[in-house]
């Protein structure tokens, strides 16, 4: 079955305009928000905290040309912990390492009164 979305397609939501930029799976896409203030805020937060812990994804660059859509470049991770644990159960030592990393990153954020709701 062909997907209803395609790369380059522009979608108009109630509050923003989105452009489909990448397809990961049949129904999973990456979209960019045009001119949204939140992206600059995210870039500022990454810049502020990336030197304080290795457990936050590094901000590699901010795209200046073209300036629209506003874009940032983060280090690409080809997998995530959820996917990895489907293939192989983590050892106790690996679980401790992951837990400490997550807690360290959260502590760095919390020490400066930031919260993260995506965990």
PDB file of N, CA and C in Angstrom:
ATOM      1  N   UNK A   1       0.840  -1.180   0.000  1.00  0.00           N
ATOM      2  CA  UNK A   1       0.000   0.000   0.000  1.00  0.00           C
ATOM      3  C   UNK A   1       0.884   1.241   0.000  1.00  0.00           C
ATOM      4  N   UNK A   2       0.609   2.189  -0.867  1.00  0.00           N
ATOM      5  CA  UNK A   2       1.390   3.416  -0.947  1.00  0.00           C
ATOM      6  C   UNK A   2       1.051   4.329   0.224  1.00  0.00           C
ATOM      7  N   UNK A   3       2.068   5.036   0.697  1.00  0.00           N
ATOM      8  CA  UNK A   3       1.882   5.949   1.816  1.00  0.00           C
ATOM      9  C   UNK A   3       1.116   7.188   1.362  1.00  0.00           C
ATOM     10  N   UNK A   4       0.371   7.771   2.272  1.00  0.00           N
ATOM     11  CA  UNK A   4      -0.363   8.997   1.962  1.00  0.00           C
ATOM     12  C   UNK A   4       0.547  10.215   2.004  1.00  0.00           C
ATOM     13  N   UNK A   5       1.733  10.074   2.606  1.00  0.00           N
ATOM     14  CA  UNK A   5       2.681  11.175   2.709  1.00  0.00           C
ATOM     15  C   UNK A   5       3.874  10.915   1.806  1.00  0.00           C
ATOM     16  N   UNK A   6       4.550  12.002   1.383  1.00  0.00           N
ATOM     17  CA  UNK A   6       5.751  11.867   0.569  1.00  0.00           C
ATOM     18  C   UNK A   6       6.764  12.923   1.004  1.00  0.00           C
ATOM     19  N   UNK A   7       8.025  12.648   0.774  1.00  0.00           N
ATOM     20  CA  UNK A   7       9.087  13.584   1.133  1.00  0.00           C
ATOM     21  C   UNK A   7       8.892  14.870   0.340  1.00  0.00           C
ATOM     22  N   UNK A   8       9.015  15.996   1.034  1.00  0.00           N
ATOM     23  CA  UNK A   8       8.814  17.305   0.420  1.00  0.00           C
ATOM     24  C   UNK A   8       7.398  17.832   0.559  1.00  0.00           C
ATOM     25  N   UNK A   9       6.482  16.979   0.949  1.00  0.00           N
ATOM     26  CA  UNK A   9       5.087  17.396   1.103  1.00  0.00           C
ATOM     27  C   UNK A   9       4.964  18.373   2.266  1.00  0.00           C
ATOM     28  N   UNK A  10       4.162  19.410   2.094  1.00  0.00           N
ATOM     29  CA  UNK A  10       3.922  20.412   3.132  1.00  0.00           C
ATOM     30  C   UNK A  10       2.555  20.150   3.744  1.00  0.00           C
ATOM     31  N   UNK A  11       2.536  20.106   5.070  1.00  0.00           N
ATOM     32  CA  UNK A  11       1.298  19.866   5.811  1.00  0.00           C
ATOM     33  C   UNK A  11       0.964  21.105   6.628  1.00  0.00           C
ATOM     34  N   UNK A  12      -0.284  21.529   6.609  1.00  0.00           N
ATOM     35  CA  UNK A  12      -0.717  22.683   7.383  1.00  0.00           C
ATOM     36  C   UNK A  12      -1.513  22.199   8.576  1.00  0.00           C
ATOM     37  N   UNK A  13      -0.974  22.432   9.787  1.00  0.00           N
ATOM     38  CA  UNK A  13      -1.686  22.090  11.006  1.00  0.00           C
ATOM     39  C   UNK A  13      -2.459  23.291  11.513  1.00  0.00           C
ATOM     40  N   UNK A  14      -3.085  23.159  12.670  1.00  0.00           N
ATOM     41  CA  UNK A  14      -3.820  24.275  13.256  1.00  0.00           C
ATOM     42  C   UNK A  14      -2.891  25.379  13.731  1.00  0.00           C
ATOM     43  N   UNK A  15      -1.670  25.012  14.158  1.00  0.00           N
ATOM     44  CA  UNK A  15      -0.761  26.016  14.716  1.00  0.00           C
ATOM     45  C   UNK A  15       0.529  26.186  13.934  1.00  0.00           C
ATOM     46  N   UNK A  16       0.919  25.243  13.064  1.00  0.00           N
ATOM     47  CA  UNK A  16       2.186  25.320  12.348  1.00  0.00           C
ATOM     48  C   UNK A  16       2.081  24.708  10.966  1.00  0.00           C
ATOM     49  N   UNK A  17       3.117  24.976  10.148  1.00  0.00           N
ATOM     50  CA  UNK A  17       3.275  24.352   8.844  1.00  0.00           C
ATOM     51  C   UNK A  17       4.459  23.403   8.932  1.00  0.00           C
ATOM     52  N   UNK A  18       4.311  22.185   8.399  1.00  0.00           N
ATOM     53  CA  UNK A  18       5.333  21.150   8.505  1.00  0.00           C
ATOM     54  C   UNK A  18       5.733  20.672   7.111  1.00  0.00           C
ATOM     55  N   UNK A  19       7.011  20.339   6.938  1.00  0.00           N
ATOM     56  CA  UNK A  19       7.488  19.743   5.697  1.00  0.00           C
ATOM     57  C   UNK A  19       8.025  18.353   6.003  1.00  0.00           C
ATOM     58  N   UNK A  20       7.555  17.348   5.277  1.00  0.00           N
ATOM     59  CA  UNK A  20       8.048  15.981   5.437  1.00  0.00           C
ATOM     60  C   UNK A  20       9.443  15.919   4.820  1.00  0.00           C
ATOM     61  N   UNK A  21      10.445  15.493   5.618  1.00  0.00           N
ATOM     62  CA  UNK A  21      11.821  15.501   5.132  1.00  0.00           C
ATOM     63  C   UNK A  21      12.461  14.123   5.023  1.00  0.00           C
ATOM     64  N   UNK A  22      11.929  13.131   5.724  1.00  0.00           N
ATOM     65  CA  UNK A  22      12.541  11.802   5.680  1.00  0.00           C
ATOM     66  C   UNK A  22      11.505  10.758   6.069  1.00  0.00           C
ATOM     67  N   UNK A  23      11.625   9.594   5.456  1.00  0.00           N
ATOM     68  CA  UNK A  23      10.747   8.478   5.805  1.00  0.00           C
ATOM     69  C   UNK A  23      11.597   7.386   6.440  1.00  0.00           C
ATOM     70  N   UNK A  24      11.231   6.984   7.671  1.00  0.00           N
ATOM     71  CA  UNK A  24      11.960   5.944   8.386  1.00  0.00           C
ATOM     72  C   UNK A  24      11.342   4.563   8.163  1.00  0.00           C
ATOM     73  N   UNK A  25      10.030   4.486   8.226  1.00  0.00           N
ATOM     74  CA  UNK A  25       9.294   3.250   7.991  1.00  0.00           C
ATOM     75  C   UNK A  25       8.034   3.627   7.228  1.00  0.00           C
ATOM     76  N   UNK A  26       7.183   2.663   6.959  1.00  0.00           N
ATOM     77  CA  UNK A  26       6.012   2.929   6.125  1.00  0.00           C
ATOM     78  C   UNK A  26       5.173   4.096   6.634  1.00  0.00           C
ATOM     79  N   UNK A  27       4.982   4.184   7.956  1.00  0.00           N
ATOM     80  CA  UNK A  27       4.145   5.246   8.507  1.00  0.00           C
ATOM     81  C   UNK A  27       4.893   6.132   9.501  1.00  0.00           C
ATOM     82  N   UNK A  28       6.220   6.145   9.448  1.00  0.00           N
ATOM     83  CA  UNK A  28       7.012   6.966  10.375  1.00  0.00           C
ATOM     84  C   UNK A  28       7.867   7.927   9.560  1.00  0.00           C
ATOM     85  N   UNK A  29       7.632   9.234   9.776  1.00  0.00           N
ATOM     86  CA  UNK A  29       8.298  10.273   9.011  1.00  0.00           C
ATOM     87  C   UNK A  29       8.943  11.297   9.935  1.00  0.00           C
ATOM     88  N   UNK A  30       9.913  12.023   9.393  1.00  0.00           N
ATOM     89  CA  UNK A  30      10.502  13.170  10.071  1.00  0.00           C
ATOM     90  C   UNK A  30       9.971  14.409   9.368  1.00  0.00           C
ATOM     91  N   UNK A  31       9.516  15.384  10.147  1.00  0.00           N
ATOM     92  CA  UNK A  31       8.996  16.620   9.571  1.00  0.00           C
ATOM     93  C   UNK A  31       9.646  17.806  10.268  1.00  0.00           C
ATOM     94  N   UNK A  32       9.816  18.894   9.531  1.00  0.00           N
ATOM     95  CA  UNK A  32      10.355  20.129  10.091  1.00  0.00           C
ATOM     96  C   UNK A  32       9.229  21.140  10.251  1.00  0.00           C
ATOM     97  N   UNK A  33       9.297  21.896  11.320  1.00  0.00           N
ATOM     98  CA  UNK A  33       8.332  22.963  11.564  1.00  0.00           C
ATOM     99  C   UNK A  33       8.928  24.250  11.012  1.00  0.00           C
ATOM    100  N   UNK A  34       8.182  24.950  10.206  1.00  0.00           N
ATOM    101  CA  UNK A  34       8.661  26.197   9.619  1.00  0.00           C
ATOM    102  C   UNK A  34       8.650  27.326  10.641  1.00  0.00           C
ATOM    103  N   UNK A  35       9.810  27.949  10.854  1.00  0.00           N
ATOM    104  CA  UNK A  35       9.910  29.158  11.664  1.00  0.00           C
ATOM    105  C   UNK A  35       9.416  29.036  13.087  1.00  0.00           C
ATOM    106  N   UNK A  36       9.643  27.934  13.732  1.00  0.00           N
ATOM    107  CA  UNK A  36       9.149  27.760  15.095  1.00  0.00           C
ATOM    108  C   UNK A  36      10.207  28.189  16.096  1.00  0.00           C
ATOM    109  N   UNK A  37       9.836  28.986  17.092  1.00  0.00           N
ATOM    110  CA  UNK A  37      10.769  29.503  18.099  1.00  0.00           C
ATOM    111  C   UNK A  37      11.411  28.399  18.916  1.00  0.00           C
ATOM    112  N   UNK A  38      10.741  27.268  19.028  1.00  0.00           N
ATOM    113  CA  UNK A  38      11.229  26.200  19.896  1.00  0.00           C
ATOM    114  C   UNK A  38      12.579  25.652  19.435  1.00  0.00           C
ATOM    115  N   UNK A  39      12.833  25.632  18.128  1.00  0.00           N
ATOM    116  CA  UNK A  39      14.093  25.095  17.623  1.00  0.00           C
ATOM    117  C   UNK A  39      15.277  25.914  18.123  1.00  0.00           C
ATOM    118  N   UNK A  40      15.152  27.234  18.126  1.00  0.00           N
ATOM    119  CA  UNK A  40      16.234  28.071  18.651  1.00  0.00           C
ATOM    120  C   UNK A  40      16.423  27.812  20.138  1.00  0.00           C
ATOM    121  N   UNK A  41      15.341  27.630  20.858  1.00  0.00           N
ATOM    122  CA  UNK A  41      15.418  27.313  22.283  1.00  0.00           C
ATOM    123  C   UNK A  41      16.147  25.986  22.505  1.00  0.00           C
ATOM    124  N   UNK A  42      15.841  24.978  21.698  1.00  0.00           N
ATOM    125  CA  UNK A  42      16.511  23.678  21.803  1.00  0.00           C
ATOM    126  C   UNK A  42      18.002  23.829  21.532  1.00  0.00           C
ATOM    127  N   UNK A  43      18.358  24.580  20.496  1.00  0.00           N
ATOM    128  CA  UNK A  43      19.776  24.798  20.180  1.00  0.00           C
ATOM    129  C   UNK A  43      20.488  25.479  21.341  1.00  0.00           C
ATOM    130  N   UNK A  44      19.852  26.478  21.941  1.00  0.00           N
ATOM    131  CA  UNK A  44      20.451  27.177  23.089  1.00  0.00           C
ATOM    132  C   UNK A  44      20.676  26.220  24.260  1.00  0.00           C
ATOM    133  N   UNK A  45      19.718  25.354  24.512  1.00  0.00           N
ATOM    134  CA  UNK A  45      19.839  24.396  25.619  1.00  0.00           C
ATOM    135  C   UNK A  45      20.956  23.391  25.342  1.00  0.00           C
ATOM    136  N   UNK A  46      21.016  22.858  24.125  1.00  0.00           N
ATOM    137  CA  UNK A  46      22.103  21.928  23.788  1.00  0.00           C
ATOM    138  C   UNK A  46      23.463  22.598  23.965  1.00  0.00           C
ATOM    139  N   UNK A  47      23.594  23.835  23.464  1.00  0.00           N
ATOM    140  CA  UNK A  47      24.865  24.561  23.604  1.00  0.00           C
ATOM    141  C   UNK A  47      25.222  24.751  25.068  1.00  0.00           C
ATOM    142  N   UNK A  48      24.244  25.086  25.877  1.00  0.00           N
ATOM    143  CA  UNK A  48      24.478  25.368  27.292  1.00  0.00           C
ATOM    144  C   UNK A  48      24.948  24.140  28.068  1.00  0.00           C
ATOM    145  N   UNK A  49      24.404  22.969  27.758  1.00  0.00           N
ATOM    146  CA  UNK A  49      24.655  21.787  28.581  1.00  0.00           C
ATOM    147  C   UNK A  49      25.615  20.762  27.983  1.00  0.00           C
ATOM    148  N   UNK A  50      25.963  20.858  26.703  1.00  0.00           N
ATOM    149  CA  UNK A  50      26.751  19.789  26.096  1.00  0.00           C
ATOM    150  C   UNK A  50      28.144  19.653  26.685  1.00  0.00           C
ATOM    151  N   UNK A  51      28.689  20.708  27.263  1.00  0.00           N
ATOM    152  CA  UNK A  51      30.020  20.604  27.873  1.00  0.00           C
ATOM    153  C   UNK A  51      29.956  20.053  29.297  1.00  0.00           C
ATOM    154  N   UNK A  52      28.752  19.901  29.839  1.00  0.00           N
ATOM    155  CA  UNK A  52      28.612  19.479  31.238  1.00  0.00           C
ATOM    156  C   UNK A  52      28.380  17.982  31.411  1.00  0.00           C
ATOM    157  N   UNK A  53      28.029  17.281  30.342  1.00  0.00           N
ATOM    158  CA  UNK A  53      27.830  15.829  30.421  1.00  0.00           C
ATOM    159  C   UNK A  53      27.991  15.211  29.038  1.00  0.00           C
ATOM    160  N   UNK A  54      28.471  13.991  29.016  1.00  0.00           N
ATOM    161  CA  UNK A  54      28.590  13.255  27.756  1.00  0.00           C
ATOM    162  C   UNK A  54      27.291  12.548  27.389  1.00  0.00           C
ATOM    163  N   UNK A  55      26.308  12.623  28.263  1.00  0.00           N
ATOM    164  CA  UNK A  55      25.086  11.845  28.078  1.00  0.00           C
ATOM    165  C   UNK A  55      23.940  12.639  27.460  1.00  0.00           C
ATOM    166  N   UNK A  56      24.226  13.798  26.904  1.00  0.00           N
ATOM    167  CA  UNK A  56      23.263  14.533  26.084  1.00  0.00           C
ATOM    168  C   UNK A  56      23.784  14.505  24.654  1.00  0.00           C
ATOM    169  N   UNK A  57      22.910  14.318  23.700  1.00  0.00           N
ATOM    170  CA  UNK A  57      23.334  14.254  22.299  1.00  0.00           C
ATOM    171  C   UNK A  57      23.976  15.581  21.897  1.00  0.00           C
ATOM    172  N   UNK A  58      25.167  15.533  21.310  1.00  0.00           N
ATOM    173  CA  UNK A  58      25.870  16.772  20.959  1.00  0.00           C
ATOM    174  C   UNK A  58      25.211  17.543  19.812  1.00  0.00           C
ATOM    175  N   UNK A  59      25.190  18.862  19.962  1.00  0.00           N
ATOM    176  CA  UNK A  59      24.786  19.764  18.886  1.00  0.00           C
ATOM    177  C   UNK A  59      26.006  19.928  17.992  1.00  0.00           C
ATOM    178  N   UNK A  60      25.909  19.528  16.743  1.00  0.00           N
ATOM    179  CA  UNK A  60      27.033  19.583  15.814  1.00  0.00           C
ATOM    180  C   UNK A  60      27.109  20.944  15.131  1.00  0.00           C
ATOM    181  N   UNK A  61      25.963  21.473  14.700  1.00  0.00           N
ATOM    182  CA  UNK A  61      25.977  22.722  13.934  1.00  0.00           C
ATOM    183  C   UNK A  61      24.573  23.310  13.881  1.00  0.00           C
ATOM    184  N   UNK A  62      24.513  24.583  13.482  1.00  0.00           N
ATOM    185  CA  UNK A  62      23.247  25.259  13.203  1.00  0.00           C
ATOM    186  C   UNK A  62      23.306  25.734  11.759  1.00  0.00           C
ATOM    187  N   UNK A  63      22.313  25.392  10.976  1.00  0.00           N
ATOM    188  CA  UNK A  63      22.293  25.755   9.562  1.00  0.00           C
ATOM    189  C   UNK A  63      21.929  27.234   9.435  1.00  0.00           C
ATOM    190  N   UNK A  64      22.777  27.991   8.730  1.00  0.00           N
ATOM    191  CA  UNK A  64      22.509  29.421   8.553  1.00  0.00           C
ATOM    192  C   UNK A  64      22.067  29.750   7.127  1.00  0.00           C
ATOM    193  N   UNK A  65      22.481  28.944   6.148  1.00  0.00           N
ATOM    194  CA  UNK A  65      22.057  29.154   4.766  1.00  0.00           C
ATOM    195  C   UNK A  65      21.533  27.827   4.244  1.00  0.00           C
ATOM    196  N   UNK A  66      20.301  27.687   3.910  1.00  0.00           N
ATOM    197  CA  UNK A  66      19.247  28.689   3.999  1.00  0.00           C
ATOM    198  C   UNK A  66      18.748  28.831   5.437  1.00  0.00           C
ATOM    199  N   UNK A  67      18.280  30.008   5.758  1.00  0.00           N
ATOM    200  CA  UNK A  67      17.805  30.265   7.119  1.00  0.00           C
ATOM    201  C   UNK A  67      16.369  29.780   7.329  1.00  0.00           C
ATOM    202  N   UNK A  68      15.678  29.474   6.236  1.00  0.00           N
ATOM    203  CA  UNK A  68      14.326  28.952   6.354  1.00  0.00           C
ATOM    204  C   UNK A  68      14.224  27.671   5.541  1.00  0.00           C
ATOM    205  N   UNK A  69      13.902  26.562   6.094  1.00  0.00           N
ATOM    206  CA  UNK A  69      13.493  26.390   7.480  1.00  0.00           C
ATOM    207  C   UNK A  69      14.698  26.387   8.414  1.00  0.00           C
ATOM    208  N   UNK A  70      14.491  26.926   9.607  1.00  0.00           N
ATOM    209  CA  UNK A  70      15.536  26.931  10.617  1.00  0.00           C
ATOM    210  C   UNK A  70      15.870  25.488  10.961  1.00  0.00           C
ATOM    211  N   UNK A  71      17.171  25.162  11.008  1.00  0.00           N
ATOM    212  CA  UNK A  71      17.573  23.770  11.232  1.00  0.00           C
ATOM    213  C   UNK A  71      18.794  23.690  12.126  1.00  0.00           C
ATOM    214  N   UNK A  72      18.880  22.608  12.895  1.00  0.00           N
ATOM    215  CA  UNK A  72      20.071  22.311  13.680  1.00  0.00           C
ATOM    216  C   UNK A  72      20.529  20.906  13.313  1.00  0.00           C
ATOM    217  N   UNK A  73      21.807  20.632  13.565  1.00  0.00           N
ATOM    218  CA  UNK A  73      22.375  19.324  13.271  1.00  0.00           C
ATOM    219  C   UNK A  73      22.812  18.702  14.587  1.00  0.00           C
ATOM    220  N   UNK A  74      22.228  17.549  14.917  1.00  0.00           N
ATOM    221  CA  UNK A  74      22.602  16.796  16.109  1.00  0.00           C
ATOM    222  C   UNK A  74      23.344  15.540  15.664  1.00  0.00           C
ATOM    223  N   UNK A  75      24.185  15.001  16.544  1.00  0.00           N
ATOM    224  CA  UNK A  75      24.871  13.754  16.210  1.00  0.00           C
ATOM    225  C   UNK A  75      23.828  12.683  15.932  1.00  0.00           C
ATOM    226  N   UNK A  76      24.016  11.976  14.823  1.00  0.00           N
ATOM    227  CA  UNK A  76      23.082  10.931  14.415  1.00  0.00           C
ATOM    228  C   UNK A  76      23.353   9.657  15.208  1.00  0.00           C
ATOM    229  N   UNK A  77      22.312   9.074  15.725  1.00  0.00           N
ATOM    230  CA  UNK A  77      22.402   7.787  16.415  1.00  0.00           C
ATOM    231  C   UNK A  77      21.615   6.784  15.587  1.00  0.00           C
ATOM    232  N   UNK A  78      22.280   5.735  15.077  1.00  0.00           N
ATOM    233  CA  UNK A  78      21.572   4.802  14.209  1.00  0.00           C
ATOM    234  C   UNK A  78      20.697   3.817  14.958  1.00  0.00           C
ATOM    235  N   UNK A  79      20.755   3.834  16.265  1.00  0.00           N
ATOM    236  CA  UNK A  79      19.901   2.956  17.050  1.00  0.00           C
ATOM    237  C   UNK A  79      19.554   3.617  18.370  1.00  0.00           C
ATOM    238  N   UNK A  80      18.638   3.009  19.064  1.00  0.00           N
ATOM    239  CA  UNK A  80      18.297   3.476  20.402  1.00  0.00           C
ATOM    240  C   UNK A  80      18.262   2.270  21.328  1.00  0.00           C
ATOM    241  N   UNK A  81      18.210   2.531  22.598  1.00  0.00           N
ATOM    242  CA  UNK A  81      18.280   1.459  23.584  1.00  0.00           C
ATOM    243  C   UNK A  81      17.120   0.473  23.450  1.00  0.00           C
ATOM    244  N   UNK A  82      15.949   0.967  23.128  1.00  0.00           N
ATOM    245  CA  UNK A  82      14.790   0.090  22.983  1.00  0.00           C
ATOM    246  C   UNK A  82      15.037  -0.936  21.877  1.00  0.00           C
ATOM    247  N   UNK A  83      15.521  -0.480  20.725  1.00  0.00           N
ATOM    248  CA  UNK A  83      15.805  -1.382  19.611  1.00  0.00           C
ATOM    249  C   UNK A  83      16.886  -2.388  19.984  1.00  0.00           C
ATOM    250  N   UNK A  84      17.923  -1.906  20.634  1.00  0.00           N
ATOM    251  CA  UNK A  84      19.032  -2.783  21.017  1.00  0.00           C
ATOM    252  C   UNK A  84      18.593  -3.877  21.992  1.00  0.00           C
ATOM    253  N   UNK A  85      17.709  -3.543  22.915  1.00  0.00           N
ATOM    254  CA  UNK A  85      17.296  -4.543  23.906  1.00  0.00           C
ATOM    255  C   UNK A  85      16.372  -5.607  23.316  1.00  0.00           C
ATOM    256  N   UNK A  86      15.772  -5.330  22.169  1.00  0.00           N
ATOM    257  CA  UNK A  86      15.003  -6.377  21.492  1.00  0.00           C
ATOM    258  C   UNK A  86      15.938  -7.456  20.952  1.00  0.00           C
ATOM    259  N   UNK A  87      17.135  -7.039  20.532  1.00  0.00           N
ATOM    260  CA  UNK A  87      18.084  -7.975  19.942  1.00  0.00           C
ATOM    261  C   UNK A  87      18.913  -8.706  20.997  1.00  0.00           C
ATOM    262  N   UNK A  88      19.214  -8.026  22.094  1.00  0.00           N
ATOM    263  CA  UNK A  88      20.076  -8.620  23.114  1.00  0.00           C
ATOM    264  C   UNK A  88      19.717  -8.022  24.464  1.00  0.00           C
ATOM    265  N   UNK A  89      19.519  -8.859  25.455  1.00  0.00           N
ATOM    266  CA  UNK A  89      19.234  -8.377  26.801  1.00  0.00           C
ATOM    267  C   UNK A  89      20.498  -7.759  27.387  1.00  0.00           C
ATOM    268  N   UNK A  90      20.352  -6.590  27.999  1.00  0.00           N
ATOM    269  CA  UNK A  90      21.508  -5.929  28.598  1.00  0.00           C
ATOM    270  C   UNK A  90      21.940  -6.656  29.869  1.00  0.00           C
ATOM    271  N   UNK A  91      23.243  -6.657  30.088  1.00  0.00           N
ATOM    272  CA  UNK A  91      23.762  -7.238  31.327  1.00  0.00           C
ATOM    273  C   UNK A  91      23.504  -6.266  32.470  1.00  0.00           C
ATOM    274  N   UNK A  92      23.688  -6.739  33.673  1.00  0.00           N
ATOM    275  CA  UNK A  92      23.523  -5.881  34.854  1.00  0.00           C
ATOM    276  C   UNK A  92      24.471  -4.681  34.785  1.00  0.00           C
ATOM    277  N   UNK A  93      25.695  -4.913  34.362  1.00  0.00           N
ATOM    278  CA  UNK A  93      26.685  -3.841  34.240  1.00  0.00           C
ATOM    279  C   UNK A  93      26.243  -2.804  33.194  1.00  0.00           C
ATOM    280  N   UNK A  94      25.736  -3.277  32.053  1.00  0.00           N
ATOM    281  CA  UNK A  94      25.262  -2.370  31.004  1.00  0.00           C
ATOM    282  C   UNK A  94      24.054  -1.568  31.480  1.00  0.00           C
ATOM    283  N   UNK A  95      23.144  -2.224  32.189  1.00  0.00           N
ATOM    284  CA  UNK A  95      21.975  -1.519  32.728  1.00  0.00           C
ATOM    285  C   UNK A  95      22.392  -0.419  33.700  1.00  0.00           C
ATOM    286  N   UNK A  96      23.359  -0.709  34.553  1.00  0.00           N
ATOM    287  CA  UNK A  96      23.849   0.302  35.497  1.00  0.00           C
ATOM    288  C   UNK A  96      24.461   1.482  34.753  1.00  0.00           C
ATOM    289  N   UNK A  97      25.243   1.199  33.700  1.00  0.00           N
ATOM    290  CA  UNK A  97      25.867   2.261  32.911  1.00  0.00           C
ATOM    291  C   UNK A  97      24.804   3.171  32.292  1.00  0.00           C
ATOM    292  N   UNK A  98      23.788   2.569  31.690  1.00  0.00           N
ATOM    293  CA  UNK A  98      22.711   3.342  31.063  1.00  0.00           C
ATOM    294  C   UNK A  98      21.966   4.163  32.111  1.00  0.00           C
ATOM    295  N   UNK A  99      21.616   3.537  33.225  1.00  0.00           N
ATOM    296  CA  UNK A  99      20.879   4.243  34.280  1.00  0.00           C
ATOM    297  C   UNK A  99      21.687   5.415  34.821  1.00  0.00           C
ATOM    298  N   UNK A 100      22.974   5.204  35.061  1.00  0.00           N
ATOM    299  CA  UNK A 100      23.820   6.302  35.556  1.00  0.00           C
ATOM    300  C   UNK A 100      23.903   7.442  34.548  1.00  0.00           C
ATOM    301  N   UNK A 101      24.003   7.088  33.266  1.00  0.00           N
ATOM    302  CA  UNK A 101      24.060   8.116  32.229  1.00  0.00           C
ATOM    303  C   UNK A 101      22.797   8.955  32.172  1.00  0.00           C
ATOM    304  N   UNK A 102      21.652   8.293  32.208  1.00  0.00           N
ATOM    305  CA  UNK A 102      20.369   9.008  32.192  1.00  0.00           C
ATOM    306  C   UNK A 102      20.244   9.892  33.427  1.00  0.00           C
ATOM    307  N   UNK A 103      20.577   9.343  34.589  1.00  0.00           N
ATOM    308  CA  UNK A 103      20.472  10.120  35.830  1.00  0.00           C
ATOM    309  C   UNK A 103      21.451  11.289  35.850  1.00  0.00           C
ATOM    310  N   UNK A 104      22.650  11.091  35.305  1.00  0.00           N
ATOM    311  CA  UNK A 104      23.615  12.200  35.243  1.00  0.00           C
ATOM    312  C   UNK A 104      23.093  13.327  34.359  1.00  0.00           C
ATOM    313  N   UNK A 105      22.566  12.978  33.191  1.00  0.00           N
ATOM    314  CA  UNK A 105      22.026  13.996  32.287  1.00  0.00           C
ATOM    315  C   UNK A 105      20.860  14.736  32.941  1.00  0.00           C
ATOM    316  N   UNK A 106      19.973  14.001  33.603  1.00  0.00           N
ATOM    317  CA  UNK A 106      18.849  14.646  34.294  1.00  0.00           C
ATOM    318  C   UNK A 106      19.331  15.544  35.428  1.00  0.00           C
ATOM    319  N   UNK A 107      20.352  15.123  36.149  1.00  0.00           N
ATOM    320  CA  UNK A 107      20.885  15.938  37.245  1.00  0.00           C
ATOM    321  C   UNK A 107      21.452  17.251  36.717  1.00  0.00           C
ATOM    322  N   UNK A 108      22.180  17.183  35.603  1.00  0.00           N
ATOM    323  CA  UNK A 108      22.729  18.400  34.997  1.00  0.00           C
ATOM    324  C   UNK A 108      21.600  19.367  34.657  1.00  0.00           C
ATOM    325  N   UNK A 109      20.530  18.853  34.073  1.00  0.00           N
ATOM    326  CA  UNK A 109      19.386  19.705  33.732  1.00  0.00           C
ATOM    327  C   UNK A 109      18.688  20.226  34.986  1.00  0.00           C
ATOM    328  N   UNK A 110      18.429  19.351  35.939  1.00  0.00           N
ATOM    329  CA  UNK A 110      17.702  19.730  37.159  1.00  0.00           C
ATOM    330  C   UNK A 110      18.487  20.717  38.013  1.00  0.00           C
ATOM    331  N   UNK A 111      19.818  20.603  38.024  1.00  0.00           N
ATOM    332  CA  UNK A 111      20.642  21.533  38.803  1.00  0.00           C
ATOM    333  C   UNK A 111      20.455  22.979  38.358  1.00  0.00           C
ATOM    334  N   UNK A 112      20.032  23.159  37.103  1.00  0.00           N
ATOM    335  CA  UNK A 112      19.800  24.515  36.593  1.00  0.00           C
ATOM    336  C   UNK A 112      18.316  24.769  36.340  1.00  0.00           C
ATOM    337  N   UNK A 113      17.475  24.015  37.036  1.00  0.00           N
ATOM    338  CA  UNK A 113      16.016  24.196  37.025  1.00  0.00           C
ATOM    339  C   UNK A 113      15.374  23.911  35.671  1.00  0.00           C
ATOM    340  N   UNK A 114      15.961  23.001  34.890  1.00  0.00           N
ATOM    341  CA  UNK A 114      15.355  22.537  33.647  1.00  0.00           C
ATOM    342  C   UNK A 114      14.757  21.162  33.903  1.00  0.00           C
ATOM    343  N   UNK A 115      13.695  20.844  33.172  1.00  0.00           N
ATOM    344  CA  UNK A 115      13.120  19.509  33.266  1.00  0.00           C
ATOM    345  C   UNK A 115      13.096  18.892  31.874  1.00  0.00           C
ATOM    346  N   UNK A 116      13.008  17.580  31.816  1.00  0.00           N
ATOM    347  CA  UNK A 116      12.904  16.863  30.549  1.00  0.00           C
ATOM    348  C   UNK A 116      11.703  15.939  30.662  1.00  0.00           C
ATOM    349  N   UNK A 117      10.765  16.091  29.758  1.00  0.00           N
ATOM    350  CA  UNK A 117       9.531  15.304  29.858  1.00  0.00           C
ATOM    351  C   UNK A 117       9.489  14.136  28.890  1.00  0.00           C
ATOM    352  N   UNK A 118      10.544  13.915  28.125  1.00  0.00           N
ATOM    353  CA  UNK A 118      10.511  12.883  27.095  1.00  0.00           C
ATOM    354  C   UNK A 118      11.105  11.555  27.490  1.00  0.00           C
ATOM    355  N   UNK A 119      11.268  11.301  28.768  1.00  0.00           N
ATOM    356  CA  UNK A 119      11.876  10.028  29.186  1.00  0.00           C
ATOM    357  C   UNK A 119      10.784   9.054  29.563  1.00  0.00           C
TER     358      UNK A 119
END
